[in-house]
N, C-alpha and C. Protein backbone atom coordinates (compact mmCIF):
# COMPACT_ATOMS: atom_id res chain seq x y z
N THR A 1 -0.76 -14.76 -0.96
CA THR A 1 -0.32 -13.38 -0.36
C THR A 1 -0.01 -12.27 -0.90
N PRO A 2 -0.87 -11.30 -1.05
CA PRO A 2 0.25 -10.38 -2.13
C PRO A 2 1.40 -9.63 -1.60
N TYR A 3 1.51 -9.61 -0.53
CA TYR A 3 3.00 -9.52 0.14
C TYR A 3 4.13 -9.92 -0.05
N THR A 4 3.89 -10.91 -0.89
CA THR A 4 5.45 -11.97 -0.91
C THR A 4 5.44 -11.31 -1.65
N PHE A 5 7.17 -11.47 -2.29
CA PHE A 5 7.74 -10.91 -3.75
C PHE A 5 8.68 -12.09 -3.52
N GLY A 6 8.75 -13.05 -5.33
CA GLY A 6 9.46 -13.74 -5.51
C GLY A 6 8.30 -15.50 -5.09
N GLN A 7 9.42 -15.96 -5.27
CA GLN A 7 9.19 -17.46 -4.70
C GLN A 7 9.48 -17.50 -3.47
N ASP A 8 9.04 -18.21 -2.95
CA ASP A 8 9.34 -18.69 -2.19
C ASP A 8 10.18 -20.37 -2.07
N PRO A 9 11.54 -20.45 -1.67
CA PRO A 9 12.36 -21.11 -2.14
C PRO A 9 12.14 -21.95 -0.38
N ILE A 10 11.89 -21.56 0.43
CA ILE A 10 12.19 -22.41 1.45
C ILE A 10 9.82 -22.57 2.23
N PRO A 11 8.67 -23.18 1.75
CA PRO A 11 8.38 -22.57 2.03
C PRO A 11 7.75 -23.90 3.43
N GLY A 12 8.42 -24.61 3.81
CA GLY A 12 7.96 -24.93 5.68
C GLY A 12 8.41 -23.91 5.62
N VAL A 13 8.85 -22.88 6.17
CA VAL A 13 9.55 -21.74 6.90
C VAL A 13 8.79 -21.00 7.38
N ASN A 14 7.94 -20.68 8.60
CA ASN A 14 7.67 -19.40 8.82
C ASN A 14 7.82 -18.30 10.20
N LEU A 15 7.98 -17.20 9.71
CA LEU A 15 7.90 -16.10 10.53
C LEU A 15 7.11 -16.05 11.45
N TYR A 16 5.91 -16.54 11.16
CA TYR A 16 4.88 -15.94 11.88
C TYR A 16 4.93 -16.49 13.02
N ARG A 17 4.74 -15.66 14.30
CA ARG A 17 5.39 -17.10 16.27
C ARG A 17 6.79 -17.60 15.75
N ASN A 18 7.67 -17.32 15.36
CA ASN A 18 9.04 -17.16 14.91
C ASN A 18 9.58 -16.43 16.42
N THR A 19 10.26 -16.27 17.19
CA THR A 19 11.00 -15.99 18.25
C THR A 19 11.97 -15.41 18.00
N LYS A 20 12.23 -15.23 16.96
CA LYS A 20 14.30 -14.89 16.45
C LYS A 20 13.58 -13.34 15.44
N ALA A 21 12.26 -13.79 14.35
CA ALA A 21 12.38 -13.13 13.57
C ALA A 21 11.39 -11.17 14.42
N LYS A 22 11.94 -10.60 13.60
CA LYS A 22 11.32 -8.68 13.99
C LYS A 22 10.12 -8.57 13.38
N PHE A 23 9.60 -8.32 13.78
CA PHE A 23 8.22 -7.45 12.59
C PHE A 23 8.99 -6.40 12.37
N VAL A 24 8.41 -5.21 11.77
CA VAL A 24 8.61 -3.61 11.85
C VAL A 24 7.19 -3.96 11.30
N MET A 25 6.40 -2.71 12.20
CA MET A 25 5.26 -1.75 10.85
C MET A 25 5.85 -0.22 10.93
N ALA A 26 5.36 -0.08 9.33
CA ALA A 26 6.09 1.07 8.83
C ALA A 26 5.25 2.35 9.40
N ASN A 27 5.04 3.58 9.06
CA ASN A 27 3.90 5.17 8.96
C ASN A 27 3.35 4.88 10.53
N GLY A 28 4.66 4.38 11.25
CA GLY A 28 4.13 5.23 12.56
C GLY A 28 3.43 3.56 13.30
N GLY A 29 3.29 3.00 12.83
CA GLY A 29 2.97 1.61 13.21
C GLY A 29 1.43 1.65 12.29
N ASN A 30 0.88 2.15 12.14
CA ASN A 30 -0.48 1.95 11.01
C ASN A 30 -0.59 1.01 9.87
N SER A 31 0.87 0.72 9.41
CA SER A 31 1.08 -0.13 8.18
C SER A 31 1.09 -1.85 8.31
N LEU A 32 1.16 -2.50 7.55
CA LEU A 32 0.71 -4.41 8.04
C LEU A 32 2.62 -4.57 9.05
N PRO A 33 2.03 -6.08 10.44
CA PRO A 33 3.38 -5.80 10.06
C PRO A 33 4.15 -6.63 9.43
N CYS A 34 6.02 -6.58 9.51
CA CYS A 34 6.29 -7.35 8.26
C CYS A 34 7.54 -7.49 8.74
N ALA A 35 7.64 -9.08 8.40
CA ALA A 35 9.35 -9.51 9.41
C ALA A 35 9.93 -9.90 7.82
N MET A 36 10.74 -10.25 8.05
CA MET A 36 11.74 -10.66 6.59
C MET A 36 13.06 -11.56 7.23
N ALA A 37 13.54 -12.38 6.46
CA ALA A 37 14.63 -13.55 6.25
C ALA A 37 15.26 -13.43 5.12
N LYS A 38 16.71 -13.31 5.02
CA LYS A 38 17.49 -13.68 3.74
C LYS A 38 17.52 -15.23 4.17
N TYR A 39 17.35 -16.69 2.47
CA TYR A 39 18.10 -17.33 2.89
C TYR A 39 19.21 -18.50 1.43
N ASN A 40 20.40 -18.60 1.90
CA ASN A 40 21.18 -18.85 1.07
C ASN A 40 20.49 -20.79 0.50
N ALA A 41 20.06 -20.86 -1.55
CA ALA A 41 19.83 -22.02 -1.42
C ALA A 41 21.24 -22.72 -1.17
N LYS A 42 22.34 -22.96 -2.15
CA LYS A 42 23.87 -22.89 -1.74
C LYS A 42 23.99 -23.71 -0.31
N THR A 43 23.75 -22.31 0.41
CA THR A 43 24.46 -22.83 1.57
C THR A 43 23.38 -23.96 2.52
N GLY A 44 22.20 -22.93 2.30
CA GLY A 44 20.90 -23.73 3.01
C GLY A 44 20.71 -22.66 4.71
N GLN A 45 21.75 -21.40 4.37
CA GLN A 45 21.82 -20.83 4.83
C GLN A 45 20.80 -19.41 5.97
N PHE A 46 19.80 -19.41 6.73
CA PHE A 46 18.77 -19.08 7.01
C PHE A 46 18.85 -17.85 7.74
N ILE A 47 18.76 -16.66 7.62
CA ILE A 47 19.43 -15.20 8.56
C ILE A 47 17.95 -14.22 8.51
N HIS A 48 17.73 -14.07 9.69
CA HIS A 48 16.97 -13.35 10.53
C HIS A 48 17.24 -11.80 9.95
N ILE A 49 16.35 -10.80 9.22
CA ILE A 49 17.14 -9.18 9.63
C ILE A 49 16.34 -8.70 10.36
N THR A 50 17.53 -8.31 11.34
CA THR A 50 16.91 -7.60 13.28
C THR A 50 17.23 -6.66 12.82
N SER A 51 17.96 -6.19 11.82
CA SER A 51 18.66 -4.57 11.65
C SER A 51 17.48 -3.55 11.37
N ASP A 52 17.79 -2.18 11.85
CA ASP A 52 16.41 -1.42 11.33
C ASP A 52 17.29 -1.18 9.40
N ASN A 53 18.26 -1.41 9.71
CA ASN A 53 19.10 -0.20 9.04
C ASN A 53 19.13 -1.73 7.16
N GLU A 54 19.13 -2.24 7.51
CA GLU A 54 19.39 -3.62 6.64
C GLU A 54 17.62 -3.64 6.47
N PHE A 55 16.66 -4.07 7.43
CA PHE A 55 15.71 -3.95 6.62
C PHE A 55 15.07 -3.03 5.70
N SER A 56 15.20 -1.12 6.22
CA SER A 56 15.37 -0.48 5.13
C SER A 56 15.69 -0.52 3.58
N GLN A 57 17.02 -0.86 3.55
CA GLN A 57 17.36 -1.40 2.69
C GLN A 57 17.36 -2.73 1.46
N ILE A 58 16.87 -3.16 2.60
CA ILE A 58 16.08 -3.92 1.27
C ILE A 58 14.21 -3.86 1.21
N MET A 59 14.35 -3.57 1.39
CA MET A 59 12.65 -2.51 1.51
C MET A 59 12.53 -2.07 0.13
N ARG A 60 13.38 -1.03 -0.03
CA ARG A 60 13.74 -0.15 -0.64
C ARG A 60 13.89 -0.87 -2.08
N GLU A 61 15.41 -1.75 -2.07
CA GLU A 61 15.80 -2.88 -3.54
C GLU A 61 14.15 -3.42 -4.07
N THR A 62 13.12 -4.23 -2.93
CA THR A 62 12.31 -4.68 -3.72
C THR A 62 11.36 -3.46 -4.24
N ARG A 63 10.74 -2.75 -3.86
CA ARG A 63 10.75 -1.55 -3.86
C ARG A 63 10.65 -1.51 -5.71
N VAL A 64 12.30 -0.90 -5.81
CA VAL A 64 12.31 -0.47 -7.25
C VAL A 64 12.20 -1.91 -8.16
N MET A 65 13.34 -3.12 -7.76
CA MET A 65 12.46 -4.39 -8.35
C MET A 65 11.26 -4.95 -8.74
N LYS A 66 10.19 -4.32 -8.22
CA LYS A 66 8.90 -4.27 -8.58
C LYS A 66 8.41 -3.50 -9.76
N LYS A 67 9.08 -2.44 -9.19
CA LYS A 67 8.60 -1.27 -10.76
C LYS A 67 8.45 -1.82 -12.25
């Protein structure tokens, strides 16, 4: 998918149809639905991003990294 950033360290985990995942649609609902989670490879901890502020901050950081 062109919407994946980086390498997927946990390919067996899917956010789609996951009741804990919060999907966000930017541009007044005109953009593609997007969900996000953080994974700590050292501890195996998987955290769903549900805060709008944290989601926006990570998206801004990702855009900067991609440039």
